Amino acid sequence: MKKLVVRSSSNLEKALEDKVEPYWYTVLRDEHQYSIRSEKNPWNQDAAELEKTVYLADDCVITMRPARFALKNDGSYDYEKDHYFLEISNQDSSIVFSSARVYVWEEVNRLAVFFKGLSFTAATRVWKVKKL
């Protein structure tokens, strides 16, 4: 399924007068979420005048997943605190690659830049070359 987003807009003149954005987006987690979308501008509460469903391109989604874990169910003994897995996925998360090691915040951000603006197909090629 293509990832759906609803792009809504309210009165442009009123938004400019209030110094707020006239457009906002609602990412739909599934095709049945239409009843939950935002019908008011989140910044000035004006009613939506237009709503348009758009389809996101299959660009790479970048996730920095916390790697902290405990060896016991009670949560004691933090390990890998302040470390992260790097993950990339397609828009609907049906394909996910997770790094085989964990990184500190600065390093995971440095690696994430390699995937910025890439299609998921191109990102998978970079992932394989970088051997993450």
Protein backbone atom coordinates (compact mmCIF):
# COMPACT_ATOMS: atom_id res chain seq x y z
CA MET A 1 0.00 0.00 0.00
CA LYS A 2 1.22 3.48 -0.84
CA LYS A 3 1.68 5.74 2.17
CA LEU A 4 -1.15 8.27 2.29
CA VAL A 5 -1.06 11.79 3.68
CA VAL A 6 -3.89 14.31 3.87
CA ARG A 7 -2.76 17.85 3.08
CA SER A 8 -5.22 20.33 4.56
CA SER A 9 -5.42 24.08 4.22
CA SER A 10 -7.31 26.84 5.95
CA ASN A 11 -7.98 30.47 5.04
CA LEU A 12 -4.69 31.86 3.70
CA GLU A 13 -5.39 35.50 4.62
CA LYS A 14 -6.37 34.60 8.19
CA ALA A 15 -3.30 32.38 8.57
CA LEU A 16 -0.99 35.15 7.34
CA GLU A 17 -2.71 37.62 9.67
CA ASP A 18 -2.19 35.20 12.59
CA LYS A 19 1.40 34.51 11.41
CA VAL A 20 0.83 30.75 11.21
CA GLU A 21 1.15 28.15 8.49
CA PRO A 22 -2.00 27.77 6.35
CA TYR A 23 -1.17 24.13 5.46
CA TRP A 24 -0.78 21.03 7.63
CA TYR A 25 -0.42 17.33 7.08
CA THR A 26 -1.94 14.24 8.63
CA VAL A 27 0.00 11.04 8.00
CA LEU A 28 -2.42 8.14 7.74
CA ARG A 29 -1.18 4.96 9.36
CA ASP A 30 -3.65 2.90 7.33
CA GLU A 31 -6.40 3.50 4.79
CA HIS A 32 -9.14 3.41 7.48
CA GLN A 33 -7.77 6.35 9.48
CA TYR A 34 -9.72 8.99 7.53
CA SER A 35 -12.06 9.62 10.46
CA ILE A 36 -9.17 10.70 12.71
CA ARG A 37 -7.63 13.41 10.53
CA SER A 38 -7.33 16.97 11.71
CA GLU A 39 -10.18 19.20 10.55
CA LYS A 40 -8.76 22.36 12.11
CA ASN A 41 -5.54 24.25 11.61
CA PRO A 42 -3.42 23.15 14.61
CA TRP A 43 -1.94 26.64 15.04
CA ASN A 44 -5.00 28.92 14.95
CA GLN A 45 -7.93 26.45 15.01
CA ASP A 46 -9.44 27.67 11.71
CA ALA A 47 -11.52 25.07 9.93
CA ALA A 48 -10.00 23.24 6.98
CA GLU A 49 -11.23 24.64 3.68
CA LEU A 50 -9.54 22.07 1.47
CA GLU A 51 -8.29 18.53 2.01
CA LYS A 52 -6.32 16.61 -0.56
CA THR A 53 -5.05 13.04 -0.27
CA VAL A 54 -1.50 12.75 -1.56
CA TYR A 55 0.76 9.73 -1.99
CA LEU A 56 4.27 9.82 -0.57
CA ALA A 57 7.13 8.82 -2.85
CA ASP A 58 8.94 5.69 -1.72
CA ASP A 59 11.84 7.63 -0.24
CA CYS A 60 14.03 6.19 2.47
CA VAL A 61 12.71 6.50 6.03
CA ILE A 62 15.53 6.94 8.55
CA THR A 63 15.08 5.80 12.16
CA MET A 64 17.47 6.10 15.09
CA ARG A 65 16.23 3.42 17.46
CA PRO A 66 17.44 3.51 21.09
CA ALA A 67 19.49 0.41 21.90
CA ARG A 68 19.27 0.54 25.71
CA PHE A 69 18.38 -2.82 27.23
CA ALA A 70 18.27 -4.71 30.52
CA LEU A 71 19.23 -8.30 31.21
CA LYS A 72 16.40 -8.75 33.69
CA ASN A 73 12.70 -8.07 33.30
CA ASP A 74 12.75 -5.63 36.23
CA GLY A 75 14.69 -3.11 34.11
CA SER A 76 17.79 -3.04 36.27
CA TYR A 77 21.26 -2.86 34.80
CA ASP A 78 21.09 -0.52 31.82
CA TYR A 79 23.28 -1.55 28.92
CA GLU A 80 24.03 0.42 25.74
CA LYS A 81 22.53 3.58 27.26
CA ASP A 82 22.90 6.54 24.86
CA HIS A 83 23.53 4.18 21.93
CA TYR A 84 21.32 3.72 18.85
CA PHE A 85 20.64 1.36 16.00
CA LEU A 86 20.40 2.96 12.57
CA GLU A 87 17.43 1.71 10.56
CA ILE A 88 16.19 2.47 7.07
CA SER A 89 12.86 1.41 5.64
CA ASN A 90 10.51 2.04 2.77
CA GLN A 91 7.50 4.32 3.41
CA ASP A 92 5.09 1.59 4.52
CA SER A 93 7.76 -0.17 6.66
CA SER A 94 7.28 -3.46 4.85
CA ILE A 95 11.07 -3.64 4.37
CA VAL A 96 13.39 -2.60 7.21
CA PHE A 97 17.18 -2.78 7.51
CA SER A 98 18.67 -2.46 11.03
CA SER A 99 22.35 -1.91 11.75
CA ALA A 100 24.28 -4.86 13.15
CA ARG A 101 25.97 -2.64 15.71
CA VAL A 102 25.00 0.34 17.84
CA TYR A 103 26.34 3.89 17.65
CA VAL A 104 26.60 6.93 19.89
CA TRP A 105 24.31 9.83 18.98
CA GLU A 106 26.89 11.80 16.99
CA GLU A 107 27.93 8.78 14.95
CA VAL A 108 24.39 7.60 14.12
CA ASN A 109 23.56 11.13 12.93
CA ARG A 110 26.70 11.20 10.77
CA LEU A 111 25.67 7.89 9.17
CA ALA A 112 22.06 8.98 8.66
CA VAL A 113 23.22 11.81 6.38
CA PHE A 114 24.25 9.21 3.78
CA PHE A 115 20.55 8.36 3.29
CA LYS A 116 19.07 11.86 3.27
CA GLY A 117 16.98 12.49 0.15
CA LEU A 118 17.46 9.03 -1.34
CA SER A 119 14.84 6.76 -2.77
CA PHE A 120 14.55 3.51 -0.83
CA THR A 121 16.10 1.64 -3.76
CA ALA A 122 19.16 3.92 -3.78
CA ALA A 123 19.37 3.75 0.03
CA THR A 124 19.56 -0.05 -0.03
CA ARG A 125 22.56 0.16 -2.37
CA VAL A 126 24.30 2.63 -0.02
CA TRP A 127 23.46 0.37 2.96
CA LYS A 128 25.17 -2.60 1.29
CA VAL A 129 28.26 -0.57 0.33
CA LYS A 130 28.60 0.82 3.88
CA LYS A 131 28.10 -2.71 5.31
CA LEU A 132 25.88 -1.49 8.12
